[in-house]
Amino acid sequence: MKTMRLLITTPAEVVIDQADVVSVKADDFSGSFGLQPGHCEFMTALTVSVLTFQTTQGLTRYVALRGGVLNMRAGTSCEIATREAVAGDDLVTLRTQVLRQMVEHADREAAARTETMKLQLSVMRQLNAYLRGERPGVLPFGQTGGGGRGH
């Protein structure tokens, strides 16, 4: 039985590197498609979707992808580069993992936005106090008015 290597990577990690893959099903902007060992050279932009692949042992695995680029090389290697990927052995578990990850990302983004707004507000208050003369002799951003260059 012919096999191919499936490699799925994100900027932070290798999510899947499996050499005994017999089929891959993925989605691009034109719809779903399948790849098997020996497929011609092929490259496409993937949509946000769930990729399915089967191994020589008959195992079916799933990978949730946040888009990406798929490159089939010489019929022996299917390589996918994506921003985010979550692998799972069944769709119920994968759904739970993806939802948990989405909540974590949303929480981190909200915290980052809050901290950015606090920083912006602090800068605006300091600049306003300086412009009103409430802090004579002190320039914004820690510079002093003593004639030297404050860095």
C-alpha atoms as a PDB file:
ATOM      1  CA  MET A   1       0.000   0.000   0.000  1.00  0.00           C
ATOM      2  CA  LYS A   2       1.388   3.384  -1.036  1.00  0.00           C
ATOM      3  CA  THR A   3       1.689   6.034   1.655  1.00  0.00           C
ATOM      4  CA  MET A   4       2.538   9.695   1.896  1.00  0.00           C
ATOM      5  CA  ARG A   5       3.821  11.983   4.598  1.00  0.00           C
ATOM      6  CA  LEU A   6       1.438  14.535   6.110  1.00  0.00           C
ATOM      7  CA  LEU A   7       3.129  17.529   7.718  1.00  0.00           C
ATOM      8  CA  ILE A   8       1.017  20.236   9.363  1.00  0.00           C
ATOM      9  CA  THR A   9       2.849  23.169  10.913  1.00  0.00           C
ATOM     10  CA  THR A  10       2.001  26.459  12.596  1.00  0.00           C
ATOM     11  CA  PRO A  11       4.477  29.249  13.304  1.00  0.00           C
ATOM     12  CA  ALA A  12       4.860  27.831  16.817  1.00  0.00           C
ATOM     13  CA  GLU A  13       4.864  24.044  16.386  1.00  0.00           C
ATOM     14  CA  VAL A  14       4.680  20.912  14.263  1.00  0.00           C
ATOM     15  CA  VAL A  15       1.127  19.688  14.833  1.00  0.00           C
ATOM     16  CA  ILE A  16       1.234  16.529  12.670  1.00  0.00           C
ATOM     17  CA  ASP A  17       4.210  14.750  11.120  1.00  0.00           C
ATOM     18  CA  GLN A  18       2.969  11.339  10.045  1.00  0.00           C
ATOM     19  CA  ALA A  19       4.508   9.157   7.332  1.00  0.00           C
ATOM     20  CA  ASP A  20       1.847   6.412   6.987  1.00  0.00           C
ATOM     21  CA  VAL A  21      -1.024   8.439   5.534  1.00  0.00           C
ATOM     22  CA  VAL A  22      -3.155   6.895   2.766  1.00  0.00           C
ATOM     23  CA  SER A  23      -5.670   9.699   2.191  1.00  0.00           C
ATOM     24  CA  VAL A  24      -6.333  13.338   3.039  1.00  0.00           C
ATOM     25  CA  LYS A  25      -9.614  15.245   2.694  1.00  0.00           C
ATOM     26  CA  ALA A  26      -9.480  19.035   2.893  1.00  0.00           C
ATOM     27  CA  ASP A  27     -11.420  22.150   1.869  1.00  0.00           C
ATOM     28  CA  ASP A  28     -10.387  25.118  -0.232  1.00  0.00           C
ATOM     29  CA  PHE A  29     -12.457  27.965  -1.665  1.00  0.00           C
ATOM     30  CA  SER A  30     -13.778  25.745  -4.470  1.00  0.00           C
ATOM     31  CA  GLY A  31     -15.030  23.035  -2.074  1.00  0.00           C
ATOM     32  CA  SER A  32     -13.834  19.701  -0.691  1.00  0.00           C
ATOM     33  CA  PHE A  33     -11.153  17.588  -2.318  1.00  0.00           C
ATOM     34  CA  GLY A  34      -9.195  14.442  -1.600  1.00  0.00           C
ATOM     35  CA  LEU A  35      -5.547  13.490  -2.003  1.00  0.00           C
ATOM     36  CA  GLN A  36      -3.906  10.072  -2.100  1.00  0.00           C
ATOM     37  CA  PRO A  37      -0.302   8.949  -2.527  1.00  0.00           C
ATOM     38  CA  GLY A  38       0.842   9.516  -6.109  1.00  0.00           C
ATOM     39  CA  HIS A  39      -1.310  12.608  -6.613  1.00  0.00           C
ATOM     40  CA  CYS A  40       0.181  15.209  -8.965  1.00  0.00           C
ATOM     41  CA  GLU A  41       1.892  18.344  -7.676  1.00  0.00           C
ATOM     42  CA  PHE A  42      -0.794  20.559  -6.203  1.00  0.00           C
ATOM     43  CA  MET A  43      -1.015  23.783  -4.208  1.00  0.00           C
ATOM     44  CA  THR A  44      -4.089  25.542  -2.820  1.00  0.00           C
ATOM     45  CA  ALA A  45      -5.239  27.984  -0.160  1.00  0.00           C
ATOM     46  CA  LEU A  46      -7.300  26.221   2.505  1.00  0.00           C
ATOM     47  CA  THR A  47     -10.361  27.647   4.215  1.00  0.00           C
ATOM     48  CA  VAL A  48     -11.128  27.477   7.917  1.00  0.00           C
ATOM     49  CA  SER A  49     -12.175  23.837   8.090  1.00  0.00           C
ATOM     50  CA  VAL A  50     -11.579  20.368   9.480  1.00  0.00           C
ATOM     51  CA  LEU A  51      -9.063  18.246   7.568  1.00  0.00           C
ATOM     52  CA  THR A  52      -9.524  14.469   7.741  1.00  0.00           C
ATOM     53  CA  PHE A  53      -6.811  11.886   7.125  1.00  0.00           C
ATOM     54  CA  GLN A  54      -6.498   8.116   7.281  1.00  0.00           C
ATOM     55  CA  THR A  55      -3.472   6.009   8.126  1.00  0.00           C
ATOM     56  CA  THR A  56      -2.414   2.529   6.975  1.00  0.00           C
ATOM     57  CA  GLN A  57      -3.786   1.156  10.271  1.00  0.00           C
ATOM     58  CA  GLY A  58      -7.249   2.411   9.296  1.00  0.00           C
ATOM     59  CA  LEU A  59      -7.254   5.211  11.880  1.00  0.00           C
ATOM     60  CA  THR A  60      -9.126   8.368  10.958  1.00  0.00           C
ATOM     61  CA  ARG A  61      -7.843  11.590  12.519  1.00  0.00           C
ATOM     62  CA  TYR A  62      -9.045  15.158  12.322  1.00  0.00           C
ATOM     63  CA  VAL A  63      -7.315  18.531  12.345  1.00  0.00           C
ATOM     64  CA  ALA A  64      -9.140  21.847  12.713  1.00  0.00           C
ATOM     65  CA  LEU A  65      -7.330  24.412  10.561  1.00  0.00           C
ATOM     66  CA  ARG A  66      -7.505  28.188  10.564  1.00  0.00           C
ATOM     67  CA  GLY A  67      -6.978  28.389   6.831  1.00  0.00           C
ATOM     68  CA  GLY A  68      -3.528  27.820   5.417  1.00  0.00           C
ATOM     69  CA  VAL A  69      -1.630  26.673   2.357  1.00  0.00           C
ATOM     70  CA  LEU A  70      -1.517  23.043   1.229  1.00  0.00           C
ATOM     71  CA  ASN A  71       1.345  21.853  -0.979  1.00  0.00           C
ATOM     72  CA  MET A  72       1.383  18.321  -2.422  1.00  0.00           C
ATOM     73  CA  ARG A  73       4.926  17.450  -3.464  1.00  0.00           C
ATOM     74  CA  ALA A  74       5.848  14.626  -5.849  1.00  0.00           C
ATOM     75  CA  GLY A  75       2.860  12.578  -4.717  1.00  0.00           C
ATOM     76  CA  THR A  76       4.695  11.605  -1.539  1.00  0.00           C
ATOM     77  CA  SER A  77       4.382  14.585   0.794  1.00  0.00           C
ATOM     78  CA  CYS A  78       1.382  16.719   1.733  1.00  0.00           C
ATOM     79  CA  GLU A  79       2.568  19.818   3.605  1.00  0.00           C
ATOM     80  CA  ILE A  80       0.264  22.334   5.231  1.00  0.00           C
ATOM     81  CA  ALA A  81       1.284  25.651   6.756  1.00  0.00           C
ATOM     82  CA  THR A  82      -1.415  27.318   8.857  1.00  0.00           C
ATOM     83  CA  ARG A  83      -1.742  29.969  11.561  1.00  0.00           C
ATOM     84  CA  GLU A  84      -3.489  27.596  13.960  1.00  0.00           C
ATOM     85  CA  ALA A  85      -4.240  23.877  14.033  1.00  0.00           C
ATOM     86  CA  VAL A  86      -5.780  21.549  16.595  1.00  0.00           C
ATOM     87  CA  ALA A  87      -5.552  17.772  16.104  1.00  0.00           C
ATOM     88  CA  GLY A  88      -7.967  15.203  17.506  1.00  0.00           C
ATOM     89  CA  ASP A  89      -8.998  11.578  17.200  1.00  0.00           C
ATOM     90  CA  ASP A  90     -12.740  12.264  17.151  1.00  0.00           C
ATOM     91  CA  LEU A  91     -14.905  15.218  16.199  1.00  0.00           C
ATOM     92  CA  VAL A  92     -16.532  15.622  19.637  1.00  0.00           C
ATOM     93  CA  THR A  93     -13.168  15.965  21.386  1.00  0.00           C
ATOM     94  CA  LEU A  94     -11.870  18.210  18.614  1.00  0.00           C
ATOM     95  CA  ARG A  95     -14.902  20.475  18.954  1.00  0.00           C
ATOM     96  CA  THR A  96     -14.293  20.794  22.700  1.00  0.00           C
ATOM     97  CA  GLN A  97     -10.596  21.552  22.178  1.00  0.00           C
ATOM     98  CA  VAL A  98     -11.296  24.171  19.509  1.00  0.00           C
ATOM     99  CA  LEU A  99     -13.968  25.895  21.603  1.00  0.00           C
ATOM    100  CA  ARG A 100     -11.659  25.964  24.638  1.00  0.00           C
ATOM    101  CA  GLN A 101      -8.855  27.424  22.537  1.00  0.00           C
ATOM    102  CA  MET A 102     -11.194  30.067  21.074  1.00  0.00           C
ATOM    103  CA  VAL A 103     -12.243  31.155  24.576  1.00  0.00           C
ATOM    104  CA  GLU A 104      -8.599  31.336  25.694  1.00  0.00           C
ATOM    105  CA  HIS A 105      -7.688  33.457  22.648  1.00  0.00           C
ATOM    106  CA  ALA A 106     -10.650  35.768  23.219  1.00  0.00           C
ATOM    107  CA  ASP A 107      -9.689  36.201  26.893  1.00  0.00           C
ATOM    108  CA  ARG A 108      -6.069  37.012  26.003  1.00  0.00           C
ATOM    109  CA  GLU A 109      -7.155  39.475  23.313  1.00  0.00           C
ATOM    110  CA  ALA A 110      -9.569  41.211  25.712  1.00  0.00           C
ATOM    111  CA  ALA A 111      -6.851  41.488  28.376  1.00  0.00           C
ATOM    112  CA  ALA A 112      -4.404  42.906  25.816  1.00  0.00           C
ATOM    113  CA  ARG A 113      -6.970  45.467  24.628  1.00  0.00           C
ATOM    114  CA  THR A 114      -7.662  46.503  28.230  1.00  0.00           C
ATOM    115  CA  GLU A 115      -3.968  46.960  28.990  1.00  0.00           C
ATOM    116  CA  THR A 116      -3.447  48.939  25.774  1.00  0.00           C
ATOM    117  CA  MET A 117      -6.329  51.247  26.624  1.00  0.00           C
ATOM    118  CA  LYS A 118      -4.972  51.774  30.163  1.00  0.00           C
ATOM    119  CA  LEU A 119      -1.582  52.692  28.734  1.00  0.00           C
ATOM    120  CA  GLN A 120      -3.110  55.096  26.215  1.00  0.00           C
ATOM    121  CA  LEU A 121      -5.219  56.734  28.933  1.00  0.00           C
ATOM    122  CA  SER A 122      -2.176  57.134  31.178  1.00  0.00           C
ATOM    123  CA  VAL A 123      -0.200  58.800  28.390  1.00  0.00           C
ATOM    124  CA  MET A 124      -3.098  61.143  27.616  1.00  0.00           C
ATOM    125  CA  ARG A 125      -3.425  62.123  31.308  1.00  0.00           C
ATOM    126  CA  GLN A 126       0.304  62.807  31.631  1.00  0.00           C
ATOM    127  CA  LEU A 127       0.336  64.875  28.450  1.00  0.00           C
ATOM    128  CA  ASN A 128      -2.755  66.795  29.561  1.00  0.00           C
ATOM    129  CA  ALA A 129      -1.194  67.526  32.984  1.00  0.00           C
ATOM    130  CA  TYR A 130       1.989  68.770  31.332  1.00  0.00           C
ATOM    131  CA  LEU A 131       0.125  70.980  28.862  1.00  0.00           C
ATOM    132  CA  ARG A 132      -1.916  72.522  31.692  1.00  0.00           C
ATOM    133  CA  GLY A 133       1.250  73.288  33.601  1.00  0.00           C
ATOM    134  CA  GLU A 134       0.288  71.097  36.532  1.00  0.00           C
ATOM    135  CA  ARG A 135       3.738  69.563  36.584  1.00  0.00           C
ATOM    136  CA  PRO A 136       6.193  72.381  35.917  1.00  0.00           C
ATOM    137  CA  GLY A 137       9.714  71.407  34.962  1.00  0.00           C
ATOM    138  CA  VAL A 138       8.767  67.901  33.952  1.00  0.00           C
ATOM    139  CA  LEU A 139       8.428  66.967  30.319  1.00  0.00           C
ATOM    140  CA  PRO A 140       6.425  64.001  29.094  1.00  0.00           C
ATOM    141  CA  PHE A 141       7.987  60.542  28.950  1.00  0.00           C
ATOM    142  CA  GLY A 142      10.458  61.087  31.787  1.00  0.00           C
ATOM    143  CA  GLN A 143      12.454  63.931  30.233  1.00  0.00           C
ATOM    144  CA  THR A 144      13.466  66.788  32.513  1.00  0.00           C
ATOM    145  CA  GLY A 145      13.538  70.457  31.668  1.00  0.00           C
ATOM    146  CA  GLY A 146      17.140  70.982  32.826  1.00  0.00           C
ATOM    147  CA  GLY A 147      18.504  71.747  29.366  1.00  0.00           C
ATOM    148  CA  GLY A 148      20.059  68.312  28.835  1.00  0.00           C
ATOM    149  CA  ARG A 149      18.604  65.601  26.702  1.00  0.00           C
ATOM    150  CA  GLY A 150      16.650  63.143  28.756  1.00  0.00           C
ATOM    151  CA  HIS A 151      16.371  59.635  27.323  1.00  0.00           C
END
